[in-house]
């Protein structure tokens, strides 16, 4: 009877030892040397309306007209993006306001 109990205990301990997984290696895999610095999905944001106006060296009425048209175009684009995202109510208003502010520039 003792032999059966000892054999059973050894079998349980032995099977538990074999069931354990090996630890993961401690060194991290090296990144390839030609890896891009930015993710492929990341895109550079287009310049703001104010930045474009500065590049064009606009002033006075030309500046005001350009900023108004650019702001209107940004508003339309932001409204379309909100519709594509199926936003409604306050979420749509908040998104559109922030989107337009980002497009026009602070």
N, C-alpha and C. Protein backbone atom coordinates (compact mmCIF):
# COMPACT_ATOMS: atom_id res chain seq x y z
N UNK A 1 0.82 -1.18 0.00
CA UNK A 1 0.00 0.00 0.00
C UNK A 1 0.87 1.26 0.00
N UNK A 2 1.97 1.21 0.79
CA UNK A 2 2.87 2.35 0.84
C UNK A 2 3.52 2.58 -0.51
N UNK A 3 3.85 1.49 -1.20
CA UNK A 3 4.50 1.60 -2.49
C UNK A 3 3.58 2.29 -3.50
N UNK A 4 2.32 1.95 -3.48
CA UNK A 4 1.37 2.56 -4.41
C UNK A 4 1.23 4.06 -4.12
N UNK A 5 1.19 4.41 -2.85
CA UNK A 5 1.07 5.82 -2.47
C UNK A 5 2.32 6.59 -2.88
N UNK A 6 3.49 6.00 -2.69
CA UNK A 6 4.74 6.67 -3.06
C UNK A 6 4.84 6.82 -4.57
N UNK A 7 4.49 5.79 -5.30
CA UNK A 7 4.55 5.84 -6.77
C UNK A 7 3.57 6.89 -7.29
N UNK A 8 2.38 6.94 -6.72
CA UNK A 8 1.38 7.93 -7.14
C UNK A 8 1.88 9.34 -6.86
N UNK A 9 2.47 9.55 -5.68
CA UNK A 9 2.99 10.87 -5.32
C UNK A 9 4.12 11.28 -6.26
N UNK A 10 5.01 10.36 -6.56
CA UNK A 10 6.11 10.65 -7.47
C UNK A 10 5.60 10.95 -8.89
N UNK A 11 4.58 10.22 -9.31
CA UNK A 11 4.01 10.45 -10.63
C UNK A 11 3.38 11.84 -10.72
N UNK A 12 2.69 12.25 -9.67
CA UNK A 12 2.07 13.58 -9.67
C UNK A 12 3.12 14.69 -9.67
N UNK A 13 4.15 14.53 -8.85
CA UNK A 13 5.21 15.54 -8.79
C UNK A 13 5.97 15.57 -10.12
N UNK A 14 6.24 14.42 -10.68
CA UNK A 14 6.97 14.36 -11.95
C UNK A 14 6.17 14.96 -13.09
N UNK A 15 4.87 14.69 -13.14
CA UNK A 15 4.07 15.24 -14.24
C UNK A 15 3.93 16.75 -14.10
N UNK A 16 3.89 17.26 -12.87
CA UNK A 16 3.81 18.71 -12.67
C UNK A 16 5.11 19.37 -13.13
N UNK A 17 6.23 18.72 -12.90
CA UNK A 17 7.52 19.27 -13.31
C UNK A 17 7.63 19.32 -14.83
N UNK A 18 7.12 18.32 -15.51
CA UNK A 18 7.17 18.29 -16.97
C UNK A 18 6.16 19.25 -17.59
N UNK A 19 5.09 19.56 -16.90
CA UNK A 19 4.05 20.43 -17.44
C UNK A 19 4.43 21.90 -17.41
N UNK A 20 5.43 22.27 -16.63
CA UNK A 20 5.82 23.68 -16.55
C UNK A 20 6.45 24.14 -17.85
N UNK A 21 6.16 25.37 -18.21
CA UNK A 21 6.74 25.93 -19.44
C UNK A 21 8.09 26.53 -19.13
N UNK A 22 8.89 26.64 -20.16
CA UNK A 22 10.21 27.23 -19.98
C UNK A 22 10.06 28.75 -19.93
N UNK A 23 10.89 29.44 -19.18
CA UNK A 23 10.77 30.90 -19.09
C UNK A 23 11.15 31.56 -20.41
N UNK A 24 10.54 32.72 -20.67
CA UNK A 24 10.82 33.46 -21.90
C UNK A 24 12.24 34.03 -21.83
N UNK A 25 12.89 34.18 -22.96
CA UNK A 25 14.23 34.75 -22.95
C UNK A 25 14.19 36.19 -22.42
N UNK A 26 15.24 36.58 -21.71
CA UNK A 26 15.26 37.90 -21.08
C UNK A 26 15.67 39.01 -22.03
N UNK A 27 16.27 38.68 -23.17
CA UNK A 27 16.69 39.71 -24.11
C UNK A 27 15.55 39.99 -25.08
N UNK A 28 15.35 41.26 -25.39
CA UNK A 28 14.32 41.65 -26.33
C UNK A 28 14.84 41.44 -27.75
N UNK A 29 13.96 41.08 -28.67
CA UNK A 29 14.41 40.92 -30.06
C UNK A 29 14.83 42.26 -30.63
N UNK A 30 15.85 42.22 -31.48
CA UNK A 30 16.38 43.45 -32.07
C UNK A 30 15.49 43.88 -33.22
N UNK A 31 15.30 45.19 -33.34
CA UNK A 31 14.52 45.74 -34.44
C UNK A 31 15.39 45.75 -35.69
N UNK A 32 14.78 45.54 -36.85
CA UNK A 32 15.57 45.58 -38.08
C UNK A 32 16.14 46.98 -38.29
N UNK A 33 17.30 47.04 -38.93
CA UNK A 33 18.00 48.31 -39.12
C UNK A 33 17.24 49.24 -40.06
N UNK A 34 16.41 48.68 -40.93
CA UNK A 34 15.70 49.50 -41.91
C UNK A 34 14.28 49.82 -41.47
N UNK A 35 13.98 49.71 -40.19
CA UNK A 35 12.63 49.99 -39.71
C UNK A 35 12.31 51.47 -39.86
N UNK A 36 11.09 51.79 -40.30
CA UNK A 36 10.72 53.20 -40.43
C UNK A 36 10.61 53.85 -39.05
N UNK A 37 10.92 55.13 -38.99
CA UNK A 37 10.90 55.83 -37.72
C UNK A 37 9.48 56.16 -37.27
N UNK A 38 8.56 56.31 -38.18
CA UNK A 38 7.16 56.59 -37.84
C UNK A 38 6.31 55.44 -38.36
N UNK A 39 5.19 55.15 -37.70
CA UNK A 39 4.31 54.09 -38.19
C UNK A 39 3.81 54.44 -39.59
N UNK A 40 3.55 53.40 -40.36
CA UNK A 40 3.13 53.61 -41.74
C UNK A 40 1.78 54.30 -41.81
N UNK A 41 0.92 54.12 -40.79
CA UNK A 41 -0.41 54.71 -40.82
C UNK A 41 -0.41 56.17 -40.39
N UNK A 42 0.66 56.62 -39.75
CA UNK A 42 0.71 58.00 -39.29
C UNK A 42 0.95 58.92 -40.48
N UNK A 43 0.16 59.98 -40.54
CA UNK A 43 0.32 60.93 -41.62
C UNK A 43 0.63 62.28 -41.03
N UNK A 44 1.39 63.06 -41.76
CA UNK A 44 1.71 64.40 -41.30
C UNK A 44 0.47 65.26 -41.49
N UNK A 45 0.12 66.02 -40.45
CA UNK A 45 -1.05 66.87 -40.52
C UNK A 45 -0.82 68.00 -41.52
N UNK A 46 -1.85 68.34 -42.28
CA UNK A 46 -1.67 69.44 -43.22
C UNK A 46 -1.47 70.75 -42.46
N UNK A 47 -0.80 71.71 -43.07
CA UNK A 47 -0.56 72.97 -42.36
C UNK A 47 -1.87 73.70 -42.09
N UNK A 48 -1.91 74.45 -41.01
CA UNK A 48 -3.12 75.19 -40.65
C UNK A 48 -3.32 76.35 -41.62
N UNK A 49 -4.53 76.90 -41.58
CA UNK A 49 -4.84 78.05 -42.44
C UNK A 49 -3.91 79.22 -42.14
N UNK A 50 -3.67 79.44 -40.85
CA UNK A 50 -2.80 80.56 -40.48
C UNK A 50 -1.37 80.33 -40.96
N UNK A 51 -0.91 79.08 -40.90
CA UNK A 51 0.44 78.77 -41.38
C UNK A 51 0.53 78.98 -42.89
N UNK A 52 -0.52 78.59 -43.60
CA UNK A 52 -0.53 78.79 -45.05
C UNK A 52 -0.53 80.28 -45.39
N UNK A 53 -1.31 81.06 -44.63
CA UNK A 53 -1.36 82.51 -44.86
C UNK A 53 0.00 83.14 -44.60
N UNK A 54 0.69 82.67 -43.57
CA UNK A 54 2.01 83.19 -43.26
C UNK A 54 3.00 82.85 -44.37
N UNK A 55 2.92 81.63 -44.89
CA UNK A 55 3.81 81.22 -45.99
C UNK A 55 3.58 82.10 -47.23
N UNK A 56 2.30 82.44 -47.46
CA UNK A 56 1.96 83.26 -48.63
C UNK A 56 2.17 84.75 -48.37
N UNK A 57 2.52 85.09 -47.13
CA UNK A 57 2.77 86.48 -46.73
C UNK A 57 1.56 87.37 -47.01
N UNK A 58 0.37 86.86 -46.63
CA UNK A 58 -0.85 87.63 -46.82
C UNK A 58 -1.03 88.63 -45.69
N UNK A 59 -1.69 89.74 -46.01
CA UNK A 59 -1.97 90.76 -45.00
C UNK A 59 -3.25 91.49 -45.37
N UNK A 60 -3.86 92.13 -44.38
CA UNK A 60 -5.03 92.96 -44.62
C UNK A 60 -6.23 92.18 -45.11
N UNK A 61 -6.89 92.72 -46.14
CA UNK A 61 -8.12 92.13 -46.67
C UNK A 61 -7.85 90.75 -47.28
N UNK A 62 -6.71 90.59 -47.91
CA UNK A 62 -6.37 89.30 -48.51
C UNK A 62 -6.26 88.23 -47.43
N UNK A 63 -5.65 88.59 -46.29
CA UNK A 63 -5.52 87.65 -45.17
C UNK A 63 -6.89 87.29 -44.62
N UNK A 64 -7.73 88.29 -44.40
CA UNK A 64 -9.07 88.04 -43.86
C UNK A 64 -9.89 87.16 -44.80
N UNK A 65 -9.82 87.46 -46.08
CA UNK A 65 -10.57 86.67 -47.07
C UNK A 65 -10.07 85.23 -47.12
N UNK A 66 -8.75 85.07 -47.11
CA UNK A 66 -8.18 83.72 -47.16
C UNK A 66 -8.57 82.92 -45.92
N UNK A 67 -8.46 83.53 -44.73
CA UNK A 67 -8.80 82.82 -43.49
C UNK A 67 -10.28 82.46 -43.45
N UNK A 68 -11.15 83.34 -43.97
CA UNK A 68 -12.59 83.03 -43.98
C UNK A 68 -12.86 81.85 -44.90
N UNK A 69 -12.31 81.88 -46.12
CA UNK A 69 -12.55 80.79 -47.05
C UNK A 69 -11.96 79.48 -46.53
N UNK A 70 -10.74 79.55 -46.00
CA UNK A 70 -10.09 78.35 -45.48
C UNK A 70 -10.88 77.79 -44.29
N UNK A 71 -11.36 78.67 -43.42
CA UNK A 71 -12.17 78.24 -42.28
C UNK A 71 -13.47 77.60 -42.71
N UNK A 72 -14.11 78.18 -43.73
CA UNK A 72 -15.36 77.60 -44.24
C UNK A 72 -15.10 76.21 -44.84
N UNK A 73 -14.02 76.10 -45.61
CA UNK A 73 -13.67 74.80 -46.19
C UNK A 73 -13.37 73.77 -45.10
N UNK A 74 -12.66 74.21 -44.06
CA UNK A 74 -12.34 73.31 -42.95
C UNK A 74 -13.62 72.87 -42.24
N UNK A 75 -14.55 73.80 -42.06
CA UNK A 75 -15.82 73.47 -41.42
C UNK A 75 -16.59 72.41 -42.20
N UNK A 76 -16.61 72.56 -43.53
CA UNK A 76 -17.30 71.57 -44.37
C UNK A 76 -16.62 70.21 -44.27
N UNK A 77 -15.30 70.21 -44.31
CA UNK A 77 -14.56 68.94 -44.23
C UNK A 77 -14.77 68.28 -42.87
N UNK A 78 -14.79 69.08 -41.81
CA UNK A 78 -15.00 68.53 -40.46
C UNK A 78 -16.41 67.99 -40.30
N UNK A 79 -17.39 68.67 -40.87
CA UNK A 79 -18.77 68.19 -40.82
C UNK A 79 -18.88 66.85 -41.56
N UNK A 80 -18.19 66.73 -42.69
CA UNK A 80 -18.21 65.47 -43.44
C UNK A 80 -17.55 64.35 -42.62
N UNK A 81 -16.43 64.67 -41.94
CA UNK A 81 -15.77 63.66 -41.10
C UNK A 81 -16.68 63.22 -39.97
N UNK A 82 -17.41 64.16 -39.38
CA UNK A 82 -18.33 63.83 -38.29
C UNK A 82 -19.44 62.93 -38.80
N UNK A 83 -19.92 63.19 -40.02
CA UNK A 83 -20.96 62.35 -40.61
C UNK A 83 -20.41 60.95 -40.90
N UNK A 84 -19.17 60.89 -41.39
CA UNK A 84 -18.55 59.59 -41.66
C UNK A 84 -18.40 58.77 -40.39
N UNK A 85 -18.14 59.46 -39.27
CA UNK A 85 -18.00 58.78 -37.98
C UNK A 85 -19.35 58.54 -37.31
N UNK A 86 -20.42 58.99 -37.97
CA UNK A 86 -21.80 58.83 -37.47
C UNK A 86 -21.99 59.47 -36.10
N UNK A 87 -21.42 60.68 -35.94
CA UNK A 87 -21.58 61.42 -34.70
C UNK A 87 -22.85 62.26 -34.78
N UNK A 88 -23.52 62.42 -33.66
CA UNK A 88 -24.72 63.25 -33.60
C UNK A 88 -24.72 64.06 -32.32
N UNK A 89 -25.53 65.11 -32.32
CA UNK A 89 -25.73 65.91 -31.11
C UNK A 89 -24.47 66.60 -30.63
N UNK A 90 -24.28 66.57 -29.31
CA UNK A 90 -23.16 67.26 -28.68
C UNK A 90 -21.82 66.70 -29.14
N UNK A 91 -21.75 65.39 -29.37
CA UNK A 91 -20.49 64.78 -29.83
C UNK A 91 -20.10 65.35 -31.19
N UNK A 92 -21.09 65.50 -32.07
CA UNK A 92 -20.82 66.05 -33.40
C UNK A 92 -20.36 67.51 -33.29
N UNK A 93 -21.07 68.29 -32.46
CA UNK A 93 -20.72 69.70 -32.30
C UNK A 93 -19.31 69.86 -31.74
N UNK A 94 -18.99 69.07 -30.72
CA UNK A 94 -17.68 69.14 -30.09
C UNK A 94 -16.58 68.75 -31.07
N UNK A 95 -16.81 67.65 -31.79
CA UNK A 95 -15.82 67.18 -32.76
C UNK A 95 -15.60 68.22 -33.85
N UNK A 96 -16.69 68.76 -34.38
CA UNK A 96 -16.59 69.73 -35.47
C UNK A 96 -15.87 70.99 -35.02
N UNK A 97 -16.18 71.46 -33.81
CA UNK A 97 -15.54 72.67 -33.29
C UNK A 97 -14.03 72.46 -33.14
N UNK A 98 -13.64 71.32 -32.53
CA UNK A 98 -12.21 71.06 -32.32
C UNK A 98 -11.50 70.85 -33.66
N UNK A 99 -12.13 70.13 -34.55
CA UNK A 99 -11.54 69.86 -35.86
C UNK A 99 -11.29 71.18 -36.61
N UNK A 100 -12.29 72.06 -36.60
CA UNK A 100 -12.16 73.33 -37.31
C UNK A 100 -11.09 74.20 -36.66
N UNK A 101 -11.05 74.22 -35.33
CA UNK A 101 -10.04 75.01 -34.62
C UNK A 101 -8.64 74.50 -34.96
N UNK A 102 -8.48 73.18 -35.01
CA UNK A 102 -7.18 72.61 -35.36
C UNK A 102 -6.78 72.95 -36.79
N UNK A 103 -7.77 72.96 -37.69
CA UNK A 103 -7.48 73.23 -39.10
C UNK A 103 -7.13 74.69 -39.34
N UNK A 104 -7.83 75.59 -38.64
CA UNK A 104 -7.58 77.02 -38.84
C UNK A 104 -6.30 77.44 -38.14
N UNK A 105 -6.07 76.90 -36.97
CA UNK A 105 -4.89 77.27 -36.20
C UNK A 105 -5.26 78.24 -35.10
N UNK A 106 -4.50 78.20 -34.04
CA UNK A 106 -4.85 79.04 -32.88
C UNK A 106 -4.31 80.44 -33.00
